[in-house]
Amino acid sequence: MKVLTLNIANPAPAKAERQLAWLAERDDDVIVLTETGAGPGSVALVDALAFAGYATSWERPPAEERGVLIASRLEVTEASPRLPYLPWRARAVVLANSRIAVIGTYIPSRDASPTRTERKKRFMSELCGWLDVDTATYDRLVLGDFNVVDRRDYPRYAFFQEWEYSFFDVLTSLGMADGFRLMNPASREYSWVDRTGSGYRYDHTFVDRAFTSAVSVCSYLQETRHLQLSDHAAMVMDVDIPSDPPRRAVVRLMSQQPVLF
């Protein structure tokens, strides 16, 4: 199974069209897009993927909010219950004929204000509780833009607090492993770079330990930044799965004609 996650930065329609064209050239089975918005660009992406035959899981966020979309070429069912707090920021689907759950999330960013700090802290706490409930039910892949970095990353930025670093400890305690570190234990790579040139590894893919030996690829695609499709690198993972979920008939539109994807 090929999995991709990308922060699409709430695109305008023209950029959404370019992002869709880039995705159409790929063969990913499951796509997790973070920082979707309520505007026409995000809606056009969701509609285009659904029209092409993808199974989609998305809740349109309120105005000025951001969310996450899962689109799958494999047959899936939507997992329940949904996250009670900011539910548009976490989606979960289960692959047909399996106990494999794919969970996409877009954890809120924050500044130094108490309100945004508390909002991020509460979301992370409720997300961890939500994941803990499903520990014995599913084998999970959790991916997306976490807006936190590994405490082992370098350089170490003073802005991040221990409660943010501990998110990775919780995922580890739930039996999950950082896919990028599995495949690149000593690599120093970033998925987002600010205007000063400081780099951050915000985008992540965590897998249940049952899958760790099955991961063959987990890396960043910096081309999405270089092509100005997003200010984030995409992240891809290839993982062998024990089941064989049925595939959906997926097409794409080229010159107004449906063409096999």
C-alpha atoms as a PDB file:
ATOM      1  CA  MET A   1       0.000   0.000   0.000  1.00  0.00           C
ATOM      2  CA  LYS A   2       1.332   3.396  -1.033  1.00  0.00           C
ATOM      3  CA  VAL A   3       0.377   6.235   1.300  1.00  0.00           C
ATOM      4  CA  LEU A   4       0.968   9.978   0.859  1.00  0.00           C
ATOM      5  CA  THR A   5       0.342  12.961   3.083  1.00  0.00           C
ATOM      6  CA  LEU A   6       0.650  16.613   2.087  1.00  0.00           C
ATOM      7  CA  ASN A   7      -0.270  19.917   3.690  1.00  0.00           C
ATOM      8  CA  ILE A   8      -2.091  21.747   0.879  1.00  0.00           C
ATOM      9  CA  ALA A   9      -2.210  25.114   2.709  1.00  0.00           C
ATOM     10  CA  ASN A  10      -5.900  25.898   2.063  1.00  0.00           C
ATOM     11  CA  PRO A  11      -5.349  26.462  -1.664  1.00  0.00           C
ATOM     12  CA  ALA A  12      -6.980  28.919  -3.993  1.00  0.00           C
ATOM     13  CA  PRO A  13      -8.737  27.194  -6.918  1.00  0.00           C
ATOM     14  CA  ALA A  14      -5.808  27.702  -9.328  1.00  0.00           C
ATOM     15  CA  LYS A  15      -3.348  26.108  -6.920  1.00  0.00           C
ATOM     16  CA  ALA A  16      -5.794  23.309  -6.103  1.00  0.00           C
ATOM     17  CA  GLU A  17      -5.934  22.504  -9.813  1.00  0.00           C
ATOM     18  CA  ARG A  18      -2.121  22.248  -9.930  1.00  0.00           C
ATOM     19  CA  GLN A  19      -2.109  20.065  -6.814  1.00  0.00           C
ATOM     20  CA  LEU A  20      -4.701  17.767  -8.341  1.00  0.00           C
ATOM     21  CA  ALA A  21      -2.685  17.472 -11.560  1.00  0.00           C
ATOM     22  CA  TRP A  22       0.387  16.499  -9.519  1.00  0.00           C
ATOM     23  CA  LEU A  23      -1.578  13.899  -7.555  1.00  0.00           C
ATOM     24  CA  ALA A  24      -3.032  12.516 -10.802  1.00  0.00           C
ATOM     25  CA  GLU A  25       0.462  11.606 -12.008  1.00  0.00           C
ATOM     26  CA  ARG A  26       1.091   9.476  -8.939  1.00  0.00           C
ATOM     27  CA  ASP A  27      -0.103   5.987  -7.956  1.00  0.00           C
ATOM     28  CA  ASP A  28      -0.770   6.433  -4.244  1.00  0.00           C
ATOM     29  CA  ASP A  29      -3.425   4.170  -2.762  1.00  0.00           C
ATOM     30  CA  VAL A  30      -4.294   6.441   0.156  1.00  0.00           C
ATOM     31  CA  ILE A  31      -3.906  10.227   0.188  1.00  0.00           C
ATOM     32  CA  VAL A  32      -4.129  12.345   3.335  1.00  0.00           C
ATOM     33  CA  LEU A  33      -4.370  16.084   2.684  1.00  0.00           C
ATOM     34  CA  THR A  34      -4.021  18.445   5.638  1.00  0.00           C
ATOM     35  CA  GLU A  35      -4.866  22.127   6.055  1.00  0.00           C
ATOM     36  CA  THR A  36      -7.977  21.871   3.947  1.00  0.00           C
ATOM     37  CA  GLY A  37     -10.287  24.841   4.312  1.00  0.00           C
ATOM     38  CA  ALA A  38     -13.903  25.723   3.693  1.00  0.00           C
ATOM     39  CA  GLY A  39     -13.134  27.683   0.531  1.00  0.00           C
ATOM     40  CA  PRO A  40     -13.581  26.803  -3.145  1.00  0.00           C
ATOM     41  CA  GLY A  41     -10.078  25.383  -3.644  1.00  0.00           C
ATOM     42  CA  SER A  42     -10.408  22.716  -0.969  1.00  0.00           C
ATOM     43  CA  VAL A  43     -13.985  21.920  -1.995  1.00  0.00           C
ATOM     44  CA  ALA A  44     -12.884  21.530  -5.627  1.00  0.00           C
ATOM     45  CA  LEU A  45     -10.165  19.055  -4.591  1.00  0.00           C
ATOM     46  CA  VAL A  46     -12.596  16.981  -2.538  1.00  0.00           C
ATOM     47  CA  ASP A  47     -15.188  17.001  -5.313  1.00  0.00           C
ATOM     48  CA  ALA A  48     -12.661  16.099  -8.010  1.00  0.00           C
ATOM     49  CA  LEU A  49     -11.275  13.153  -6.041  1.00  0.00           C
ATOM     50  CA  ALA A  50     -14.762  11.875  -5.232  1.00  0.00           C
ATOM     51  CA  PHE A  51     -15.860  12.293  -8.857  1.00  0.00           C
ATOM     52  CA  ALA A  52     -12.779  10.339  -9.961  1.00  0.00           C
ATOM     53  CA  GLY A  53     -13.897   7.408  -7.825  1.00  0.00           C
ATOM     54  CA  TYR A  54     -11.912   7.819  -4.628  1.00  0.00           C
ATOM     55  CA  ALA A  55     -13.547   7.011  -1.319  1.00  0.00           C
ATOM     56  CA  THR A  56     -13.317  10.299   0.583  1.00  0.00           C
ATOM     57  CA  SER A  57     -13.608  11.151   4.257  1.00  0.00           C
ATOM     58  CA  TRP A  58     -13.832  14.877   4.955  1.00  0.00           C
ATOM     59  CA  GLU A  59     -15.799  17.233   7.140  1.00  0.00           C
ATOM     60  CA  ARG A  60     -15.946  20.766   5.833  1.00  0.00           C
ATOM     61  CA  PRO A  61     -14.463  22.934   8.573  1.00  0.00           C
ATOM     62  CA  PRO A  62     -16.044  26.158   9.773  1.00  0.00           C
ATOM     63  CA  ALA A  63     -14.866  29.385   8.176  1.00  0.00           C
ATOM     64  CA  GLU A  64     -11.323  30.296   9.265  1.00  0.00           C
ATOM     65  CA  GLU A  65     -10.773  26.714  10.452  1.00  0.00           C
ATOM     66  CA  ARG A  66      -8.717  23.967   8.825  1.00  0.00           C
ATOM     67  CA  GLY A  67      -9.228  20.232   8.440  1.00  0.00           C
ATOM     68  CA  VAL A  68      -8.017  16.973   6.925  1.00  0.00           C
ATOM     69  CA  LEU A  69      -9.151  14.849   3.979  1.00  0.00           C
ATOM     70  CA  ILE A  70      -8.567  11.138   3.388  1.00  0.00           C
ATOM     71  CA  ALA A  71      -8.988   9.879  -0.196  1.00  0.00           C
ATOM     72  CA  SER A  72      -8.533   6.188  -0.941  1.00  0.00           C
ATOM     73  CA  ARG A  73      -8.321   4.046  -4.071  1.00  0.00           C
ATOM     74  CA  LEU A  74      -8.891   1.065  -1.777  1.00  0.00           C
ATOM     75  CA  GLU A  75     -12.330   0.241  -0.431  1.00  0.00           C
ATOM     76  CA  VAL A  76     -12.735   1.646   3.072  1.00  0.00           C
ATOM     77  CA  THR A  77     -15.380   2.267   5.681  1.00  0.00           C
ATOM     78  CA  GLU A  78     -15.408   5.362   7.836  1.00  0.00           C
ATOM     79  CA  ALA A  79     -14.448   4.653  11.426  1.00  0.00           C
ATOM     80  CA  SER A  80     -16.529   5.906  14.326  1.00  0.00           C
ATOM     81  CA  PRO A  81     -16.979   7.563  16.708  1.00  0.00           C
ATOM     82  CA  ARG A  82     -15.469  10.775  15.472  1.00  0.00           C
ATOM     83  CA  LEU A  83     -13.196  12.941  17.595  1.00  0.00           C
ATOM     84  CA  PRO A  84     -15.454  15.116  19.790  1.00  0.00           C
ATOM     85  CA  TYR A  85     -13.205  18.210  19.779  1.00  0.00           C
ATOM     86  CA  LEU A  86     -12.405  19.927  16.446  1.00  0.00           C
ATOM     87  CA  PRO A  87     -13.549  16.756  14.616  1.00  0.00           C
ATOM     88  CA  TRP A  88     -12.685  18.141  11.169  1.00  0.00           C
ATOM     89  CA  ARG A  89      -9.011  17.925  12.191  1.00  0.00           C
ATOM     90  CA  ALA A  90      -8.981  14.116  12.491  1.00  0.00           C
ATOM     91  CA  ARG A  91     -10.449  11.511  10.130  1.00  0.00           C
ATOM     92  CA  ALA A  92     -10.224   7.730  10.288  1.00  0.00           C
ATOM     93  CA  VAL A  93     -11.048   5.001   7.781  1.00  0.00           C
ATOM     94  CA  VAL A  94     -10.720   1.223   7.950  1.00  0.00           C
ATOM     95  CA  LEU A  95      -9.543  -0.771   4.937  1.00  0.00           C
ATOM     96  CA  ALA A  96     -12.085  -3.317   3.724  1.00  0.00           C
ATOM     97  CA  ASN A  97     -11.421  -6.944   4.695  1.00  0.00           C
ATOM     98  CA  SER A  98      -8.880  -5.876   7.294  1.00  0.00           C
ATOM     99  CA  ARG A  99      -8.377  -4.365  10.738  1.00  0.00           C
ATOM    100  CA  ILE A 100      -6.101  -1.663   9.339  1.00  0.00           C
ATOM    101  CA  ALA A 101      -7.119   1.901  10.206  1.00  0.00           C
ATOM    102  CA  VAL A 102      -5.675   4.947   8.472  1.00  0.00           C
ATOM    103  CA  ILE A 103      -5.953   8.054  10.633  1.00  0.00           C
ATOM    104  CA  GLY A 104      -5.196  11.473   9.232  1.00  0.00           C
ATOM    105  CA  THR A 105      -4.793  14.486  11.485  1.00  0.00           C
ATOM    106  CA  TYR A 106      -3.957  18.162  11.327  1.00  0.00           C
ATOM    107  CA  ILE A 107      -2.936  19.247  14.820  1.00  0.00           C
ATOM    108  CA  PRO A 108      -3.472  22.974  15.454  1.00  0.00           C
ATOM    109  CA  SER A 109      -0.498  25.297  15.407  1.00  0.00           C
ATOM    110  CA  ARG A 110      -0.071  27.860  18.146  1.00  0.00           C
ATOM    111  CA  ASP A 111       1.643  31.065  19.118  1.00  0.00           C
ATOM    112  CA  ALA A 112       2.503  32.239  22.617  1.00  0.00           C
ATOM    113  CA  SER A 113      -1.075  33.218  23.480  1.00  0.00           C
ATOM    114  CA  PRO A 114      -2.838  31.236  26.228  1.00  0.00           C
ATOM    115  CA  THR A 115      -5.921  30.668  24.067  1.00  0.00           C
ATOM    116  CA  ARG A 116      -4.096  29.051  21.132  1.00  0.00           C
ATOM    117  CA  THR A 117      -1.805  27.142  23.480  1.00  0.00           C
ATOM    118  CA  GLU A 118      -4.728  25.656  25.384  1.00  0.00           C
ATOM    119  CA  ARG A 119      -6.526  24.840  22.136  1.00  0.00           C
ATOM    120  CA  LYS A 120      -3.569  22.867  20.809  1.00  0.00           C
ATOM    121  CA  LYS A 121      -2.998  21.150  24.148  1.00  0.00           C
ATOM    122  CA  ARG A 122      -6.643  20.085  24.419  1.00  0.00           C
ATOM    123  CA  PHE A 123      -6.756  18.759  20.858  1.00  0.00           C
ATOM    124  CA  MET A 124      -3.596  16.698  21.363  1.00  0.00           C
ATOM    125  CA  SER A 125      -4.914  15.304  24.640  1.00  0.00           C
ATOM    126  CA  GLU A 126      -8.263  14.294  23.123  1.00  0.00           C
ATOM    127  CA  LEU A 127      -6.559  12.846  20.042  1.00  0.00           C
ATOM    128  CA  CYS A 128      -4.352  10.654  22.244  1.00  0.00           C
ATOM    129  CA  GLY A 129      -7.389   9.455  24.165  1.00  0.00           C
ATOM    130  CA  TRP A 130      -9.200   8.727  20.915  1.00  0.00           C
ATOM    131  CA  LEU A 131      -6.257   6.682  19.642  1.00  0.00           C
ATOM    132  CA  ASP A 132      -5.922   4.835  22.940  1.00  0.00           C
ATOM    133  CA  VAL A 133      -9.486   3.508  22.668  1.00  0.00           C
ATOM    134  CA  ASP A 134      -8.676   1.821  19.355  1.00  0.00           C
ATOM    135  CA  THR A 135      -5.381   0.241  20.448  1.00  0.00           C
ATOM    136  CA  ALA A 136      -6.794  -3.301  20.620  1.00  0.00           C
ATOM    137  CA  THR A 137      -9.250  -2.875  17.747  1.00  0.00           C
ATOM    138  CA  TYR A 138      -7.105  -1.764  14.809  1.00  0.00           C
ATOM    139  CA  ASP A 139      -3.607  -1.815  13.421  1.00  0.00           C
ATOM    140  CA  ARG A 140      -3.114   1.896  12.785  1.00  0.00           C
ATOM    141  CA  LEU A 141      -1.276   4.262  10.505  1.00  0.00           C
ATOM    142  CA  VAL A 142      -1.419   7.807  11.886  1.00  0.00           C
ATOM    143  CA  LEU A 143      -0.190  10.513   9.560  1.00  0.00           C
ATOM    144  CA  GLY A 144      -0.471  14.169   8.728  1.00  0.00           C
ATOM    145  CA  ASP A 145       0.820  17.539   9.865  1.00  0.00           C
ATOM    146  CA  PHE A 146       1.382  17.247  13.610  1.00  0.00           C
ATOM    147  CA  ASN A 147       2.777  20.781  14.116  1.00  0.00           C
ATOM    148  CA  VAL A 148       5.229  19.260  16.593  1.00  0.00           C
ATOM    149  CA  VAL A 149       8.758  18.004  16.167  1.00  0.00           C
ATOM    150  CA  ASP A 150      10.686  15.089  17.609  1.00  0.00           C
ATOM    151  CA  ARG A 151      12.730  16.082  20.646  1.00  0.00           C
ATOM    152  CA  ARG A 152      15.701  14.423  18.911  1.00  0.00           C
ATOM    153  CA  ASP A 153      15.481  16.765  15.934  1.00  0.00           C
ATOM    154  CA  TYR A 154      18.199  19.358  15.454  1.00  0.00           C
ATOM    155  CA  PRO A 155      18.326  22.251  15.992  1.00  0.00           C
ATOM    156  CA  ARG A 156      16.255  22.219  19.159  1.00  0.00           C
ATOM    157  CA  TYR A 157      13.889  25.188  19.180  1.00  0.00           C
ATOM    158  CA  ALA A 158      13.105  26.765  22.538  1.00  0.00           C
ATOM    159  CA  PHE A 159       9.530  27.519  21.459  1.00  0.00           C
ATOM    160  CA  PHE A 160       8.377  23.903  21.818  1.00  0.00           C
ATOM    161  CA  GLN A 161       7.359  22.743  25.265  1.00  0.00           C
ATOM    162  CA  GLU A 162       7.613  19.374  26.952  1.00  0.00           C
ATOM    163  CA  TRP A 163       3.879  18.648  26.542  1.00  0.00           C
ATOM    164  CA  GLU A 164       4.382  18.942  22.770  1.00  0.00           C
ATOM    165  CA  TYR A 165       7.415  16.686  22.691  1.00  0.00           C
ATOM    166  CA  SER A 166       5.549  14.136  24.833  1.00  0.00           C
ATOM    167  CA  PHE A 167       3.057  13.525  22.008  1.00  0.00           C
ATOM    168  CA  PHE A 168       5.616  11.193  20.433  1.00  0.00           C
ATOM    169  CA  ASP A 169       6.066   9.430  23.773  1.00  0.00           C
ATOM    170  CA  VAL A 170       2.321   8.769  23.904  1.00  0.00           C
ATOM    171  CA  LEU A 171       2.300   7.338  20.375  1.00  0.00           C
ATOM    172  CA  THR A 172       5.219   5.095  21.356  1.00  0.00           C
ATOM    173  CA  SER A 173       3.364   3.951  24.482  1.00  0.00           C
ATOM    174  CA  LEU A 174       0.420   3.042  22.238  1.00  0.00           C
ATOM    175  CA  GLY A 175       2.667   0.661  20.316  1.00  0.00           C
ATOM    176  CA  MET A 176       3.504   2.928  17.388  1.00  0.00           C
ATOM    177  CA  ALA A 177       6.776   3.860  15.704  1.00  0.00           C
ATOM    178  CA  ASP A 178       7.970   6.852  13.693  1.00  0.00           C
ATOM    179  CA  GLY A 179       8.125   5.558  10.120  1.00  0.00           C
ATOM    180  CA  PHE A 180      10.689   8.111   9.003  1.00  0.00           C
ATOM    181  CA  ARG A 181      13.073   7.208  11.822  1.00  0.00           C
ATOM    182  CA  LEU A 182      12.601   3.516  11.068  1.00  0.00           C
ATOM    183  CA  MET A 183      13.975   4.019   7.567  1.00  0.00           C
ATOM    184  CA  ASN A 184      16.232   7.034   8.168  1.00  0.00           C
ATOM    185  CA  PRO A 185      17.597   6.778  11.714  1.00  0.00           C
ATOM    186  CA  ALA A 186      20.327   9.390  11.269  1.00  0.00           C
ATOM    187  CA  SER A 187      18.831  11.654   8.600  1.00  0.00           C
ATOM    188  CA  ARG A 188      18.336  15.359   9.237  1.00  0.00           C
ATOM    189  CA  GLU A 189      15.520  16.452   6.955  1.00  0.00           C
ATOM    190  CA  TYR A 190      12.704  18.961   7.257  1.00  0.00           C
ATOM    191  CA  SER A 191       9.184  19.125   5.863  1.00  0.00           C
ATOM    192  CA  TRP A 192       8.684  22.867   6.371  1.00  0.00           C
ATOM    193  CA  VAL A 193      11.157  25.749   6.285  1.00  0.00           C
ATOM    194  CA  ASP A 194      10.288  29.227   7.525  1.00  0.00           C
ATOM    195  CA  ARG A 195      11.324  32.526   5.977  1.00  0.00           C
ATOM    196  CA  THR A 196      14.499  32.653   8.058  1.00  0.00           C
ATOM    197  CA  GLY A 197      15.624  29.278   6.722  1.00  0.00           C
ATOM    198  CA  SER A 198      14.890  27.380   9.939  1.00  0.00           C
ATOM    199  CA  GLY A 199      13.648  23.852   9.245  1.00  0.00           C
ATOM    200  CA  TYR A 200      11.027  21.785  11.054  1.00  0.00           C
ATOM    201  CA  ARG A 201       9.913  18.170  10.633  1.00  0.00           C
ATOM    202  CA  TYR A 202       6.188  18.776  11.135  1.00  0.00           C
ATOM    203  CA  ASP A 203       4.762  16.082   8.842  1.00  0.00           C
ATOM    204  CA  HIS A 204       4.861  12.526  10.136  1.00  0.00           C
ATOM    205  CA  THR A 205       3.749   8.946   9.587  1.00  0.00           C
ATOM    206  CA  PHE A 206       3.484   6.633  12.598  1.00  0.00           C
ATOM    207  CA  VAL A 207       2.745   2.923  12.224  1.00  0.00           C
ATOM    208  CA  ASP A 208       1.741   0.195  14.628  1.00  0.00           C
ATOM    209  CA  ARG A 209       4.688  -2.000  15.535  1.00  0.00           C
ATOM    210  CA  ALA A 210       2.970  -4.892  13.745  1.00  0.00           C
ATOM    211  CA  PHE A 211       3.876  -3.044  10.519  1.00  0.00           C
ATOM    212  CA  THR A 212       7.414  -1.920  11.247  1.00  0.00           C
ATOM    213  CA  SER A 213       9.047  -4.811   9.390  1.00  0.00           C
ATOM    214  CA  ALA A 214       6.702  -4.252   6.436  1.00  0.00           C
ATOM    215  CA  VAL A 215       7.701  -0.606   5.824  1.00  0.00           C
ATOM    216  CA  SER A 216       9.967  -0.378   2.784  1.00  0.00           C
ATOM    217  CA  VAL A 217       9.848   3.367   2.066  1.00  0.00           C
ATOM    218  CA  CYS A 218       9.230   6.394   4.251  1.00  0.00           C
ATOM    219  CA  SER A 219      10.588   9.666   2.940  1.00  0.00           C
ATOM    220  CA  TYR A 220       9.866  13.290   2.121  1.00  0.00           C
ATOM    221  CA  LEU A 221       9.252  14.631  -1.374  1.00  0.00           C
ATOM    222  CA  GLN A 222      10.673  18.124  -1.430  1.00  0.00           C
ATOM    223  CA  GLU A 223       9.407  18.683  -4.976  1.00  0.00           C
ATOM    224  CA  THR A 224       6.076  19.959  -3.670  1.00  0.00           C
ATOM    225  CA  ARG A 225       7.974  22.840  -2.081  1.00  0.00           C
ATOM    226  CA  HIS A 226      10.242  23.416  -5.076  1.00  0.00           C
ATOM    227  CA  LEU A 227       7.260  23.396  -7.470  1.00  0.00           C
ATOM    228  CA  GLN A 228       5.423  25.780  -5.113  1.00  0.00           C
ATOM    229  CA  LEU A 229       2.503  23.384  -4.810  1.00  0.00           C
ATOM    230  CA  SER A 230       2.743  23.842  -1.043  1.00  0.00           C
ATOM    231  CA  ASP A 231       5.087  25.267   1.551  1.00  0.00           C
ATOM    232  CA  HIS A 232       5.402  21.709   2.910  1.00  0.00           C
ATOM    233  CA  ALA A 233       7.174  18.657   1.567  1.00  0.00           C
ATOM    234  CA  ALA A 234       4.940  15.681   0.892  1.00  0.00           C
ATOM    235  CA  MET A 235       5.596  12.478   2.813  1.00  0.00           C
ATOM    236  CA  VAL A 236       5.292   9.005   1.316  1.00  0.00           C
ATOM    237  CA  MET A 237       5.280   5.515   2.792  1.00  0.00           C
ATOM    238  CA  ASP A 238       5.161   2.071   1.212  1.00  0.00           C
ATOM    239  CA  VAL A 239       4.007  -0.710   3.514  1.00  0.00           C
ATOM    240  CA  ASP A 240       3.145  -4.343   2.854  1.00  0.00           C
ATOM    241  CA  ILE A 241      -0.225  -5.202   4.338  1.00  0.00           C
ATOM    242  CA  PRO A 242      -1.448  -8.702   5.184  1.00  0.00           C
ATOM    243  CA  SER A 243      -4.850  -8.271   3.551  1.00  0.00           C
ATOM    244  CA  ASP A 244      -5.832  -7.425  -0.023  1.00  0.00           C
ATOM    245  CA  PRO A 245      -8.563  -4.774   0.110  1.00  0.00           C
ATOM    246  CA  PRO A 246     -10.622  -4.424  -3.069  1.00  0.00           C
ATOM    247  CA  ARG A 247      -9.657  -1.500  -5.273  1.00  0.00           C
ATOM    248  CA  ARG A 248     -12.063   1.125  -6.526  1.00  0.00           C
ATOM    249  CA  ALA A 249     -12.432   2.068 -10.178  1.00  0.00           C
ATOM    250  CA  VAL A 250     -10.624   5.396 -10.300  1.00  0.00           C
ATOM    251  CA  VAL A 251     -10.563   7.744 -13.277  1.00  0.00           C
ATOM    252  CA  ARG A 252      -9.255  11.217 -13.894  1.00  0.00           C
ATOM    253  CA  LEU A 253     -10.451  13.998 -16.136  1.00  0.00           C
ATOM    254  CA  MET A 254      -8.205  15.092 -18.990  1.00  0.00           C
ATOM    255  CA  SER A 255      -9.599  17.428 -21.645  1.00  0.00           C
ATOM    256  CA  GLN A 256     -13.098  16.748 -20.310  1.00  0.00           C
ATOM    257  CA  GLN A 257     -12.777  13.000 -21.008  1.00  0.00           C
ATOM    258  CA  PRO A 258     -12.525  10.362 -18.262  1.00  0.00           C
ATOM    259  CA  VAL A 259      -9.302   8.387 -18.598  1.00  0.00           C
ATOM    260  CA  LEU A 260      -8.278   5.359 -16.542  1.00  0.00           C
ATOM    261  CA  PHE A 261      -6.071   6.544 -13.678  1.00  0.00           C
END
